[in-house]
Amino acid sequence: MLRHAYTAAAAHGVNPDALLGSMTFAEHAKNLDPSSADFSAQLAEAIKGALTANPWMAAQAAAPTPPPVPAAGGADFQGAGGSGATSLDQQIAEAEKAGNHALAISLKRQRSALPPQ
């Protein structure tokens, strides 16, 4: 009987979880006879009565889902050359020449993470 009530609740605009948690509905529903020919009509009346007595049981519209995040566009600039751009190897050489070993190590790690060309 509870399964029928749960399914029928949504058809009548009632939150099924709230309906089945209602003591008032449980008291009224225990008098229903599932083998009766008009069981569906009796159940519908019980659900409508529960909603009338407890308007807070009304089903709420689902929150809208946010639109999907678009894929990143543009070109892959990794390793792209250009006027005035310093290559990673040049940056490593400059850092070693300047004695900045921490920067040189960091740049070497970046270079090792790049895909082979």
PDB file of N, CA and C in Angstrom:
ATOM      1  N   MET A   1       0.822  -1.178   0.000  1.00  0.00           N
ATOM      2  CA  MET A   1       0.000   0.000   0.000  1.00  0.00           C
ATOM      3  C   MET A   1       0.875   1.254   0.000  1.00  0.00           C
ATOM      4  N   LEU A   2       1.976   1.225   0.745  1.00  0.00           N
ATOM      5  CA  LEU A   2       2.837   2.396   0.801  1.00  0.00           C
ATOM      6  C   LEU A   2       3.469   2.687  -0.556  1.00  0.00           C
ATOM      7  N   ARG A   3       3.788   1.638  -1.270  1.00  0.00           N
ATOM      8  CA  ARG A   3       4.370   1.835  -2.601  1.00  0.00           C
ATOM      9  C   ARG A   3       3.372   2.529  -3.521  1.00  0.00           C
ATOM     10  N   HIS A   4       2.112   2.148  -3.441  1.00  0.00           N
ATOM     11  CA  HIS A   4       1.078   2.786  -4.250  1.00  0.00           C
ATOM     12  C   HIS A   4       0.938   4.257  -3.865  1.00  0.00           C
ATOM     13  N   ALA A   5       0.955   4.522  -2.573  1.00  0.00           N
ATOM     14  CA  ALA A   5       0.824   5.904  -2.098  1.00  0.00           C
ATOM     15  C   ALA A   5       2.017   6.738  -2.551  1.00  0.00           C
ATOM     16  N   TYR A   6       3.203   6.157  -2.488  1.00  0.00           N
ATOM     17  CA  TYR A   6       4.416   6.874  -2.894  1.00  0.00           C
ATOM     18  C   TYR A   6       4.335   7.246  -4.370  1.00  0.00           C
ATOM     19  N   THR A   7       3.912   6.292  -5.192  1.00  0.00           N
ATOM     20  CA  THR A   7       3.808   6.529  -6.630  1.00  0.00           C
ATOM     21  C   THR A   7       2.695   7.521  -6.945  1.00  0.00           C
ATOM     22  N   ALA A   8       1.567   7.389  -6.291  1.00  0.00           N
ATOM     23  CA  ALA A   8       0.419   8.252  -6.571  1.00  0.00           C
ATOM     24  C   ALA A   8       0.622   9.674  -6.059  1.00  0.00           C
ATOM     25  N   ALA A   9       1.457   9.853  -5.059  1.00  0.00           N
ATOM     26  CA  ALA A   9       1.655  11.182  -4.469  1.00  0.00           C
ATOM     27  C   ALA A   9       2.147  12.182  -5.511  1.00  0.00           C
ATOM     28  N   ALA A  10       3.139  11.792  -6.300  1.00  0.00           N
ATOM     29  CA  ALA A  10       3.690  12.705  -7.302  1.00  0.00           C
ATOM     30  C   ALA A  10       2.639  13.087  -8.337  1.00  0.00           C
ATOM     31  N   ALA A  11       1.765  12.154  -8.682  1.00  0.00           N
ATOM     32  CA  ALA A  11       0.720  12.441  -9.665  1.00  0.00           C
ATOM     33  C   ALA A  11      -0.266  13.487  -9.158  1.00  0.00           C
ATOM     34  N   HIS A  12      -0.348  13.640  -7.852  1.00  0.00           N
ATOM     35  CA  HIS A  12      -1.279  14.597  -7.252  1.00  0.00           C
ATOM     36  C   HIS A  12      -0.563  15.831  -6.699  1.00  0.00           C
ATOM     37  N   GLY A  13       0.731  15.992  -7.064  1.00  0.00           N
ATOM     38  CA  GLY A  13       1.471  17.184  -6.654  1.00  0.00           C
ATOM     39  C   GLY A  13       1.899  17.188  -5.203  1.00  0.00           C
ATOM     40  N   VAL A  14       2.085  16.003  -4.642  1.00  0.00           N
ATOM     41  CA  VAL A  14       2.466  15.895  -3.237  1.00  0.00           C
ATOM     42  C   VAL A  14       3.862  15.284  -3.154  1.00  0.00           C
ATOM     43  N   ASN A  15       4.666  15.800  -2.237  1.00  0.00           N
ATOM     44  CA  ASN A  15       5.995  15.237  -1.982  1.00  0.00           C
ATOM     45  C   ASN A  15       5.791  13.856  -1.359  1.00  0.00           C
ATOM     46  N   PRO A  16       6.216  12.773  -2.040  1.00  0.00           N
ATOM     47  CA  PRO A  16       5.947  11.427  -1.535  1.00  0.00           C
ATOM     48  C   PRO A  16       6.594  11.147  -0.178  1.00  0.00           C
ATOM     49  N   ASP A  17       7.788  11.674   0.051  1.00  0.00           N
ATOM     50  CA  ASP A  17       8.449  11.443   1.340  1.00  0.00           C
ATOM     51  C   ASP A  17       7.693  12.132   2.476  1.00  0.00           C
ATOM     52  N   ALA A  18       7.223  13.342   2.218  1.00  0.00           N
ATOM     53  CA  ALA A  18       6.449  14.060   3.231  1.00  0.00           C
ATOM     54  C   ALA A  18       5.131  13.347   3.504  1.00  0.00           C
ATOM     55  N   LEU A  19       4.507  12.833   2.441  1.00  0.00           N
ATOM     56  CA  LEU A  19       3.232  12.135   2.600  1.00  0.00           C
ATOM     57  C   LEU A  19       3.391  10.897   3.477  1.00  0.00           C
ATOM     58  N   LEU A  20       4.398  10.080   3.164  1.00  0.00           N
ATOM     59  CA  LEU A  20       4.572   8.840   3.928  1.00  0.00           C
ATOM     60  C   LEU A  20       5.073   9.097   5.348  1.00  0.00           C
ATOM     61  N   GLY A  21       5.622  10.277   5.590  1.00  0.00           N
ATOM     62  CA  GLY A  21       6.047  10.628   6.940  1.00  0.00           C
ATOM     63  C   GLY A  21       4.942  11.267   7.774  1.00  0.00           C
ATOM     64  N   SER A  22       3.794  11.483   7.177  1.00  0.00           N
ATOM     65  CA  SER A  22       2.689  12.153   7.858  1.00  0.00           C
ATOM     66  C   SER A  22       1.876  11.157   8.686  1.00  0.00           C
ATOM     67  N   MET A  23       1.733  11.438   9.955  1.00  0.00           N
ATOM     68  CA  MET A  23       0.924  10.594  10.837  1.00  0.00           C
ATOM     69  C   MET A  23      -0.563  10.712  10.477  1.00  0.00           C
ATOM     70  N   THR A  24      -0.984  11.888  10.054  1.00  0.00           N
ATOM     71  CA  THR A  24      -2.378  12.089   9.665  1.00  0.00           C
ATOM     72  C   THR A  24      -2.716  11.208   8.464  1.00  0.00           C
ATOM     73  N   PHE A  25      -1.828  11.187   7.463  1.00  0.00           N
ATOM     74  CA  PHE A  25      -2.076  10.345   6.307  1.00  0.00           C
ATOM     75  C   PHE A  25      -2.035   8.867   6.707  1.00  0.00           C
ATOM     76  N   ALA A  26      -1.105   8.496   7.566  1.00  0.00           N
ATOM     77  CA  ALA A  26      -0.998   7.094   7.991  1.00  0.00           C
ATOM     78  C   ALA A  26      -2.287   6.641   8.681  1.00  0.00           C
ATOM     79  N   GLU A  27      -2.848   7.505   9.513  1.00  0.00           N
ATOM     80  CA  GLU A  27      -4.095   7.162  10.199  1.00  0.00           C
ATOM     81  C   GLU A  27      -5.244   6.985   9.203  1.00  0.00           C
ATOM     82  N   HIS A  28      -5.314   7.863   8.236  1.00  0.00           N
ATOM     83  CA  HIS A  28      -6.382   7.787   7.248  1.00  0.00           C
ATOM     84  C   HIS A  28      -6.162   6.590   6.312  1.00  0.00           C
ATOM     85  N   ALA A  29      -4.911   6.334   5.938  1.00  0.00           N
ATOM     86  CA  ALA A  29      -4.597   5.273   4.980  1.00  0.00           C
ATOM     87  C   ALA A  29      -4.807   3.879   5.566  1.00  0.00           C
ATOM     88  N   LYS A  30      -4.708   3.745   6.879  1.00  0.00           N
ATOM     89  CA  LYS A  30      -4.874   2.408   7.452  1.00  0.00           C
ATOM     90  C   LYS A  30      -6.305   1.879   7.278  1.00  0.00           C
ATOM     91  N   ASN A  31      -7.255   2.767   7.011  1.00  0.00           N
ATOM     92  CA  ASN A  31      -8.639   2.354   6.780  1.00  0.00           C
ATOM     93  C   ASN A  31      -8.915   1.982   5.328  1.00  0.00           C
ATOM     94  N   LEU A  32      -7.941   2.174   4.438  1.00  0.00           N
ATOM     95  CA  LEU A  32      -8.143   1.859   3.028  1.00  0.00           C
ATOM     96  C   LEU A  32      -7.958   0.358   2.800  1.00  0.00           C
ATOM     97  N   ASP A  33      -8.737  -0.176   1.872  1.00  0.00           N
ATOM     98  CA  ASP A  33      -8.675  -1.602   1.546  1.00  0.00           C
ATOM     99  C   ASP A  33      -8.043  -1.757   0.163  1.00  0.00           C
ATOM    100  N   PRO A  34      -6.780  -2.235   0.080  1.00  0.00           N
ATOM    101  CA  PRO A  34      -6.104  -2.386  -1.216  1.00  0.00           C
ATOM    102  C   PRO A  34      -6.812  -3.345  -2.163  1.00  0.00           C
ATOM    103  N   SER A  35      -7.621  -4.244  -1.638  1.00  0.00           N
ATOM    104  CA  SER A  35      -8.320  -5.188  -2.511  1.00  0.00           C
ATOM    105  C   SER A  35      -9.644  -4.624  -3.029  1.00  0.00           C
ATOM    106  N   SER A  36     -10.004  -3.451  -2.581  1.00  0.00           N
ATOM    107  CA  SER A  36     -11.244  -2.818  -3.010  1.00  0.00           C
ATOM    108  C   SER A  36     -11.146  -2.381  -4.469  1.00  0.00           C
ATOM    109  N   ALA A  37     -12.273  -2.427  -5.159  1.00  0.00           N
ATOM    110  CA  ALA A  37     -12.307  -2.044  -6.570  1.00  0.00           C
ATOM    111  C   ALA A  37     -12.004  -0.563  -6.762  1.00  0.00           C
ATOM    112  N   ASP A  38     -12.379   0.265  -5.785  1.00  0.00           N
ATOM    113  CA  ASP A  38     -12.140   1.699  -5.906  1.00  0.00           C
ATOM    114  C   ASP A  38     -10.968   2.166  -5.035  1.00  0.00           C
ATOM    115  N   PHE A  39     -10.007   1.270  -4.826  1.00  0.00           N
ATOM    116  CA  PHE A  39      -8.844   1.595  -3.986  1.00  0.00           C
ATOM    117  C   PHE A  39      -8.089   2.818  -4.510  1.00  0.00           C
ATOM    118  N   SER A  40      -7.896   2.895  -5.826  1.00  0.00           N
ATOM    119  CA  SER A  40      -7.151   4.022  -6.411  1.00  0.00           C
ATOM    120  C   SER A  40      -7.850   5.347  -6.117  1.00  0.00           C
ATOM    121  N   ALA A  41      -9.162   5.360  -6.233  1.00  0.00           N
ATOM    122  CA  ALA A  41      -9.922   6.584  -5.960  1.00  0.00           C
ATOM    123  C   ALA A  41      -9.854   6.948  -4.482  1.00  0.00           C
ATOM    124  N   GLN A  42      -9.950   5.941  -3.616  1.00  0.00           N
ATOM    125  CA  GLN A  42      -9.846   6.198  -2.170  1.00  0.00           C
ATOM    126  C   GLN A  42      -8.458   6.742  -1.813  1.00  0.00           C
ATOM    127  N   LEU A  43      -7.438   6.143  -2.416  1.00  0.00           N
ATOM    128  CA  LEU A  43      -6.068   6.586  -2.156  1.00  0.00           C
ATOM    129  C   LEU A  43      -5.875   8.020  -2.637  1.00  0.00           C
ATOM    130  N   ALA A  44      -6.400   8.324  -3.819  1.00  0.00           N
ATOM    131  CA  ALA A  44      -6.293   9.680  -4.356  1.00  0.00           C
ATOM    132  C   ALA A  44      -6.977  10.684  -3.426  1.00  0.00           C
ATOM    133  N   GLU A  45      -8.150  10.340  -2.914  1.00  0.00           N
ATOM    134  CA  GLU A  45      -8.852  11.234  -1.982  1.00  0.00           C
ATOM    135  C   GLU A  45      -8.059  11.416  -0.693  1.00  0.00           C
ATOM    136  N   ALA A  46      -7.450  10.342  -0.195  1.00  0.00           N
ATOM    137  CA  ALA A  46      -6.640  10.436   1.026  1.00  0.00           C
ATOM    138  C   ALA A  46      -5.434  11.345   0.803  1.00  0.00           C
ATOM    139  N   ILE A  47      -4.816  11.229  -0.366  1.00  0.00           N
ATOM    140  CA  ILE A  47      -3.649  12.072  -0.681  1.00  0.00           C
ATOM    141  C   ILE A  47      -4.069  13.529  -0.811  1.00  0.00           C
ATOM    142  N   LYS A  48      -5.163  13.768  -1.521  1.00  0.00           N
ATOM    143  CA  LYS A  48      -5.657  15.141  -1.676  1.00  0.00           C
ATOM    144  C   LYS A  48      -6.044  15.738  -0.326  1.00  0.00           C
ATOM    145  N   GLY A  49      -6.652  14.923   0.533  1.00  0.00           N
ATOM    146  CA  GLY A  49      -7.014  15.401   1.873  1.00  0.00           C
ATOM    147  C   GLY A  49      -5.783  15.747   2.692  1.00  0.00           C
ATOM    148  N   ALA A  50      -4.734  14.935   2.575  1.00  0.00           N
ATOM    149  CA  ALA A  50      -3.491  15.226   3.301  1.00  0.00           C
ATOM    150  C   ALA A  50      -2.880  16.525   2.802  1.00  0.00           C
ATOM    151  N   LEU A  51      -2.934  16.762   1.502  1.00  0.00           N
ATOM    152  CA  LEU A  51      -2.385  17.995   0.945  1.00  0.00           C
ATOM    153  C   LEU A  51      -3.201  19.211   1.378  1.00  0.00           C
ATOM    154  N   THR A  52      -4.509  19.052   1.409  1.00  0.00           N
ATOM    155  CA  THR A  52      -5.362  20.160   1.846  1.00  0.00           C
ATOM    156  C   THR A  52      -5.090  20.518   3.306  1.00  0.00           C
ATOM    157  N   ALA A  53      -4.931  19.492   4.143  1.00  0.00           N
ATOM    158  CA  ALA A  53      -4.668  19.729   5.565  1.00  0.00           C
ATOM    159  C   ALA A  53      -3.236  20.195   5.819  1.00  0.00           C
ATOM    160  N   ASN A  54      -2.316  19.825   4.918  1.00  0.00           N
ATOM    161  CA  ASN A  54      -0.885  20.147   5.108  1.00  0.00           C
ATOM    162  C   ASN A  54      -0.308  20.691   3.795  1.00  0.00           C
ATOM    163  N   PRO A  55      -0.549  21.954   3.489  1.00  0.00           N
ATOM    164  CA  PRO A  55      -0.077  22.514   2.215  1.00  0.00           C
ATOM    165  C   PRO A  55       1.444  22.446   2.042  1.00  0.00           C
ATOM    166  N   TRP A  56       2.163  22.343   3.116  1.00  0.00           N
ATOM    167  CA  TRP A  56       3.625  22.263   3.036  1.00  0.00           C
ATOM    168  C   TRP A  56       4.093  20.964   2.372  1.00  0.00           C
ATOM    169  N   MET A  57       3.184  20.005   2.222  1.00  0.00           N
ATOM    170  CA  MET A  57       3.534  18.735   1.575  1.00  0.00           C
ATOM    171  C   MET A  57       3.596  18.841   0.054  1.00  0.00           C
ATOM    172  N   ALA A  58       3.234  19.977  -0.488  1.00  0.00           N
ATOM    173  CA  ALA A  58       3.239  20.122  -1.947  1.00  0.00           C
ATOM    174  C   ALA A  58       4.632  19.866  -2.496  1.00  0.00           C
ATOM    175  N   ALA A  59       4.673  19.181  -3.611  1.00  0.00           N
ATOM    176  CA  ALA A  59       5.958  18.879  -4.249  1.00  0.00           C
ATOM    177  C   ALA A  59       6.578  20.176  -4.739  1.00  0.00           C
ATOM    178  N   GLN A  60       7.861  20.306  -4.543  1.00  0.00           N
ATOM    179  CA  GLN A  60       8.589  21.487  -4.991  1.00  0.00           C
ATOM    180  C   GLN A  60       9.216  21.199  -6.348  1.00  0.00           C
ATOM    181  N   ALA A  61       9.259  22.206  -7.172  1.00  0.00           N
ATOM    182  CA  ALA A  61       9.909  22.048  -8.477  1.00  0.00           C
ATOM    183  C   ALA A  61      11.399  21.849  -8.257  1.00  0.00           C
ATOM    184  N   ALA A  62      11.984  21.017  -9.064  1.00  0.00           N
ATOM    185  CA  ALA A  62      13.416  20.760  -8.957  1.00  0.00           C
ATOM    186  C   ALA A  62      14.188  22.019  -9.314  1.00  0.00           C
ATOM    187  N   ALA A  63      15.283  22.220  -8.616  1.00  0.00           N
ATOM    188  CA  ALA A  63      16.133  23.368  -8.904  1.00  0.00           C
ATOM    189  C   ALA A  63      16.736  23.201 -10.298  1.00  0.00           C
ATOM    190  N   PRO A  64      16.814  24.281 -11.045  1.00  0.00           N
ATOM    191  CA  PRO A  64      17.375  24.152 -12.395  1.00  0.00           C
ATOM    192  C   PRO A  64      18.848  23.759 -12.324  1.00  0.00           C
ATOM    193  N   THR A  65      19.246  22.915 -13.225  1.00  0.00           N
ATOM    194  CA  THR A  65      20.647  22.511 -13.248  1.00  0.00           C
ATOM    195  C   THR A  65      21.447  23.571 -13.982  1.00  0.00           C
ATOM    196  N   PRO A  66      22.636  23.866 -13.496  1.00  0.00           N
ATOM    197  CA  PRO A  66      23.438  24.889 -14.162  1.00  0.00           C
ATOM    198  C   PRO A  66      23.887  24.395 -15.535  1.00  0.00           C
ATOM    199  N   PRO A  67      24.063  25.310 -16.455  1.00  0.00           N
ATOM    200  CA  PRO A  67      24.501  24.885 -17.791  1.00  0.00           C
ATOM    201  C   PRO A  67      25.907  24.305 -17.720  1.00  0.00           C
ATOM    202  N   PRO A  68      26.247  23.419 -18.638  1.00  0.00           N
ATOM    203  CA  PRO A  68      27.588  22.836 -18.607  1.00  0.00           C
ATOM    204  C   PRO A  68      28.651  23.883 -18.908  1.00  0.00           C
ATOM    205  N   VAL A  69      29.802  23.693 -18.354  1.00  0.00           N
ATOM    206  CA  VAL A  69      30.915  24.605 -18.581  1.00  0.00           C
ATOM    207  C   VAL A  69      31.463  24.326 -19.979  1.00  0.00           C
ATOM    208  N   PRO A  70      31.587  25.349 -20.792  1.00  0.00           N
ATOM    209  CA  PRO A  70      32.093  25.103 -22.142  1.00  0.00           C
ATOM    210  C   PRO A  70      33.550  24.676 -22.110  1.00  0.00           C
ATOM    211  N   ALA A  71      33.933  23.923 -23.101  1.00  0.00           N
ATOM    212  CA  ALA A  71      35.315  23.476 -23.206  1.00  0.00           C
ATOM    213  C   ALA A  71      36.213  24.675 -23.483  1.00  0.00           C
ATOM    214  N   ALA A  72      37.433  24.578 -22.988  1.00  0.00           N
ATOM    215  CA  ALA A  72      38.391  25.652 -23.216  1.00  0.00           C
ATOM    216  C   ALA A  72      38.706  25.727 -24.702  1.00  0.00           C
ATOM    217  N   GLY A  73      38.781  26.903 -25.205  1.00  0.00           N
ATOM    218  CA  GLY A  73      39.085  27.076 -26.622  1.00  0.00           C
ATOM    219  C   GLY A  73      40.456  27.704 -26.805  1.00  0.00           C
ATOM    220  N   GLY A  74      40.824  27.879 -28.015  1.00  0.00           N
ATOM    221  CA  GLY A  74      42.091  28.524 -28.299  1.00  0.00           C
ATOM    222  C   GLY A  74      43.158  27.523 -28.675  1.00  0.00           C
ATOM    223  N   ALA A  75      44.290  28.050 -29.022  1.00  0.00           N
ATOM    224  CA  ALA A  75      45.404  27.216 -29.465  1.00  0.00           C
ATOM    225  C   ALA A  75      46.283  26.820 -28.294  1.00  0.00           C
ATOM    226  N   ASP A  76      47.088  25.797 -28.520  1.00  0.00           N
ATOM    227  CA  ASP A  76      48.056  25.353 -27.515  1.00  0.00           C
ATOM    228  C   ASP A  76      49.327  26.168 -27.715  1.00  0.00           C
ATOM    229  N   PHE A  77      49.630  27.023 -26.757  1.00  0.00           N
ATOM    230  CA  PHE A  77      50.789  27.900 -26.871  1.00  0.00           C
ATOM    231  C   PHE A  77      52.023  27.318 -26.197  1.00  0.00           C
ATOM    232  N   GLN A  78      51.938  26.125 -25.731  1.00  0.00           N
ATOM    233  CA  GLN A  78      53.044  25.507 -25.030  1.00  0.00           C
ATOM    234  C   GLN A  78      54.214  25.314 -26.004  1.00  0.00           C
ATOM    235  N   GLY A  79      55.327  25.908 -25.704  1.00  0.00           N
ATOM    236  CA  GLY A  79      56.507  25.762 -26.538  1.00  0.00           C
ATOM    237  C   GLY A  79      56.452  26.585 -27.807  1.00  0.00           C
ATOM    238  N   ALA A  80      55.472  27.481 -27.911  1.00  0.00           N
ATOM    239  CA  ALA A  80      55.365  28.284 -29.122  1.00  0.00           C
ATOM    240  C   ALA A  80      56.463  29.331 -29.139  1.00  0.00           C
ATOM    241  N   GLY A  81      57.051  29.486 -30.297  1.00  0.00           N
ATOM    242  CA  GLY A  81      58.100  30.490 -30.432  1.00  0.00           C
ATOM    243  C   GLY A  81      57.499  31.807 -30.856  1.00  0.00           C
ATOM    244  N   GLY A  82      58.285  32.829 -30.799  1.00  0.00           N
ATOM    245  CA  GLY A  82      57.796  34.121 -31.230  1.00  0.00           C
ATOM    246  C   GLY A  82      58.882  35.149 -31.024  1.00  0.00           C
ATOM    247  N   SER A  83      58.693  36.303 -31.575  1.00  0.00           N
ATOM    248  CA  SER A  83      59.706  37.335 -31.421  1.00  0.00           C
ATOM    249  C   SER A  83      59.756  37.774 -29.972  1.00  0.00           C
ATOM    250  N   GLY A  84      60.943  37.814 -29.432  1.00  0.00           N
ATOM    251  CA  GLY A  84      61.138  38.244 -28.059  1.00  0.00           C
ATOM    252  C   GLY A  84      60.899  37.164 -27.037  1.00  0.00           C
ATOM    253  N   ALA A  85      60.372  36.007 -27.432  1.00  0.00           N
ATOM    254  CA  ALA A  85      60.124  34.928 -26.487  1.00  0.00           C
ATOM    255  C   ALA A  85      61.417  34.162 -26.256  1.00  0.00           C
ATOM    256  N   THR A  86      61.658  33.818 -25.017  1.00  0.00           N
ATOM    257  CA  THR A  86      62.863  33.084 -24.663  1.00  0.00           C
ATOM    258  C   THR A  86      62.485  31.630 -24.477  1.00  0.00           C
ATOM    259  N   SER A  87      63.222  30.723 -25.113  1.00  0.00           N
ATOM    260  CA  SER A  87      62.914  29.312 -24.973  1.00  0.00           C
ATOM    261  C   SER A  87      63.269  28.850 -23.568  1.00  0.00           C
ATOM    262  N   LEU A  88      62.745  27.708 -23.210  1.00  0.00           N
ATOM    263  CA  LEU A  88      62.993  27.151 -21.878  1.00  0.00           C
ATOM    264  C   LEU A  88      64.473  26.847 -21.699  1.00  0.00           C
ATOM    265  N   ASP A  89      65.102  26.338 -22.746  1.00  0.00           N
ATOM    266  CA  ASP A  89      66.540  26.039 -22.658  1.00  0.00           C
ATOM    267  C   ASP A  89      67.355  27.316 -22.442  1.00  0.00           C
ATOM    268  N   GLN A  90      66.960  28.391 -23.097  1.00  0.00           N
ATOM    269  CA  GLN A  90      67.654  29.667 -22.914  1.00  0.00           C
ATOM    270  C   GLN A  90      67.461  30.191 -21.495  1.00  0.00           C
ATOM    271  N   GLN A  91      66.239  30.034 -20.981  1.00  0.00           N
ATOM    272  CA  GLN A  91      65.973  30.485 -19.612  1.00  0.00           C
ATOM    273  C   GLN A  91      66.804  29.697 -18.613  1.00  0.00           C
ATOM    274  N   ILE A  92      66.944  28.383 -18.850  1.00  0.00           N
ATOM    275  CA  ILE A  92      67.752  27.545 -17.960  1.00  0.00           C
ATOM    276  C   ILE A  92      69.207  28.005 -17.997  1.00  0.00           C
ATOM    277  N   ALA A  93      69.723  28.255 -19.200  1.00  0.00           N
ATOM    278  CA  ALA A  93      71.114  28.693 -19.345  1.00  0.00           C
ATOM    279  C   ALA A  93      71.341  30.029 -18.637  1.00  0.00           C
ATOM    280  N   GLU A  94      70.391  30.948 -18.775  1.00  0.00           N
ATOM    281  CA  GLU A  94      70.515  32.253 -18.129  1.00  0.00           C
ATOM    282  C   GLU A  94      70.467  32.131 -16.610  1.00  0.00           C
ATOM    283  N   ALA A  95      69.589  31.257 -16.106  1.00  0.00           N
ATOM    284  CA  ALA A  95      69.475  31.074 -14.653  1.00  0.00           C
ATOM    285  C   ALA A  95      70.750  30.464 -14.095  1.00  0.00           C
ATOM    286  N   GLU A  96      71.352  29.492 -14.823  1.00  0.00           N
ATOM    287  CA  GLU A  96      72.600  28.883 -14.360  1.00  0.00           C
ATOM    288  C   GLU A  96      73.745  29.889 -14.412  1.00  0.00           C
ATOM    289  N   LYS A  97      73.777  30.717 -15.453  1.00  0.00           N
ATOM    290  CA  LYS A  97      74.825  31.730 -15.596  1.00  0.00           C
ATOM    291  C   LYS A  97      74.739  32.756 -14.467  1.00  0.00           C
ATOM    292  N   ALA A  98      73.490  33.080 -14.066  1.00  0.00           N
ATOM    293  CA  ALA A  98      73.283  34.053 -12.998  1.00  0.00           C
ATOM    294  C   ALA A  98      73.470  33.429 -11.617  1.00  0.00           C
ATOM    295  N   GLY A  99      73.632  32.104 -11.563  1.00  0.00           N
ATOM    296  CA  GLY A  99      73.816  31.432 -10.274  1.00  0.00           C
ATOM    297  C   GLY A  99      72.512  31.165  -9.539  1.00  0.00           C
ATOM    298  N   ASN A 100      71.387  31.302 -10.224  1.00  0.00           N
ATOM    299  CA  ASN A 100      70.076  31.061  -9.615  1.00  0.00           C
ATOM    300  C   ASN A 100      69.710  29.591  -9.840  1.00  0.00           C
ATOM    301  N   HIS A 101      70.277  28.732  -8.989  1.00  0.00           N
ATOM    302  CA  HIS A 101      70.112  27.289  -9.161  1.00  0.00           C
ATOM    303  C   HIS A 101      68.674  26.820  -8.896  1.00  0.00           C
ATOM    304  N   ALA A 102      67.994  27.487  -7.990  1.00  0.00           N
ATOM    305  CA  ALA A 102      66.599  27.102  -7.701  1.00  0.00           C
ATOM    306  C   ALA A 102      65.724  27.316  -8.930  1.00  0.00           C
ATOM    307  N   LEU A 103      65.913  28.451  -9.602  1.00  0.00           N
ATOM    308  CA  LEU A 103      65.148  28.732 -10.817  1.00  0.00           C
ATOM    309  C   LEU A 103      65.524  27.746 -11.925  1.00  0.00           C
ATOM    310  N   ALA A 104      66.808  27.451 -12.046  1.00  0.00           N
ATOM    311  CA  ALA A 104      67.257  26.511 -13.072  1.00  0.00           C
ATOM    312  C   ALA A 104      66.629  25.134 -12.854  1.00  0.00           C
ATOM    313  N   ILE A 105      66.608  24.681 -11.622  1.00  0.00           N
ATOM    314  CA  ILE A 105      66.000  23.379 -11.311  1.00  0.00           C
ATOM    315  C   ILE A 105      64.511  23.399 -11.629  1.00  0.00           C
ATOM    316  N   SER A 106      63.840  24.483 -11.256  1.00  0.00           N
ATOM    317  CA  SER A 106      62.408  24.600 -11.523  1.00  0.00           C
ATOM    318  C   SER A 106      62.134  24.559 -13.026  1.00  0.00           C
ATOM    319  N   LEU A 107      62.937  25.263 -13.792  1.00  0.00           N
ATOM    320  CA  LEU A 107      62.762  25.283 -15.246  1.00  0.00           C
ATOM    321  C   LEU A 107      63.055  23.914 -15.857  1.00  0.00           C
ATOM    322  N   LYS A 108      64.039  23.208 -15.320  1.00  0.00           N
ATOM    323  CA  LYS A 108      64.353  21.868 -15.822  1.00  0.00           C
ATOM    324  C   LYS A 108      63.193  20.905 -15.542  1.00  0.00           C
ATOM    325  N   ARG A 109      62.555  21.077 -14.412  1.00  0.00           N
ATOM    326  CA  ARG A 109      61.383  20.240 -14.097  1.00  0.00           C
ATOM    327  C   ARG A 109      60.247  20.530 -15.071  1.00  0.00           C
ATOM    328  N   GLN A 110      60.068  21.801 -15.386  1.00  0.00           N
ATOM    329  CA  GLN A 110      59.036  22.162 -16.370  1.00  0.00           C
ATOM    330  C   GLN A 110      59.342  21.516 -17.720  1.00  0.00           C
ATOM    331  N   ARG A 111      60.610  21.582 -18.126  1.00  0.00           N
ATOM    332  CA  ARG A 111      60.998  20.999 -19.414  1.00  0.00           C
ATOM    333  C   ARG A 111      60.792  19.487 -19.437  1.00  0.00           C
ATOM    334  N   SER A 112      61.074  18.823 -18.317  1.00  0.00           N
ATOM    335  CA  SER A 112      60.914  17.360 -18.290  1.00  0.00           C
ATOM    336  C   SER A 112      59.428  16.959 -18.301  1.00  0.00           C
ATOM    337  N   ALA A 113      58.549  17.866 -17.883  1.00  0.00           N
ATOM    338  CA  ALA A 113      57.120  17.560 -17.878  1.00  0.00           C
ATOM    339  C   ALA A 113      56.487  17.755 -19.254  1.00  0.00           C
ATOM    340  N   LEU A 114      57.215  18.453 -20.161  1.00  0.00           N
ATOM    341  CA  LEU A 114      56.671  18.676 -21.495  1.00  0.00           C
ATOM    342  C   LEU A 114      56.693  17.394 -22.314  1.00  0.00           C
ATOM    343  N   PRO A 115      55.740  17.245 -23.219  1.00  0.00           N
ATOM    344  CA  PRO A 115      55.755  16.074 -24.091  1.00  0.00           C
ATOM    345  C   PRO A 115      56.937  16.169 -25.049  1.00  0.00           C
ATOM    346  N   PRO A 116      57.505  15.038 -25.448  1.00  0.00           N
ATOM    347  CA  PRO A 116      58.652  15.097 -26.364  1.00  0.00           C
ATOM    348  C   PRO A 116      58.214  15.644 -27.725  1.00  0.00           C
ATOM    349  N   GLN A 117      59.132  16.340 -28.361  1.00  0.00           N
ATOM    350  CA  GLN A 117      58.787  16.950 -29.654  1.00  0.00           C
ATOM    351  C   GLN A 117      59.364  16.204 -30.794  1.00  0.00           C
TER     352      GLN A 117
END
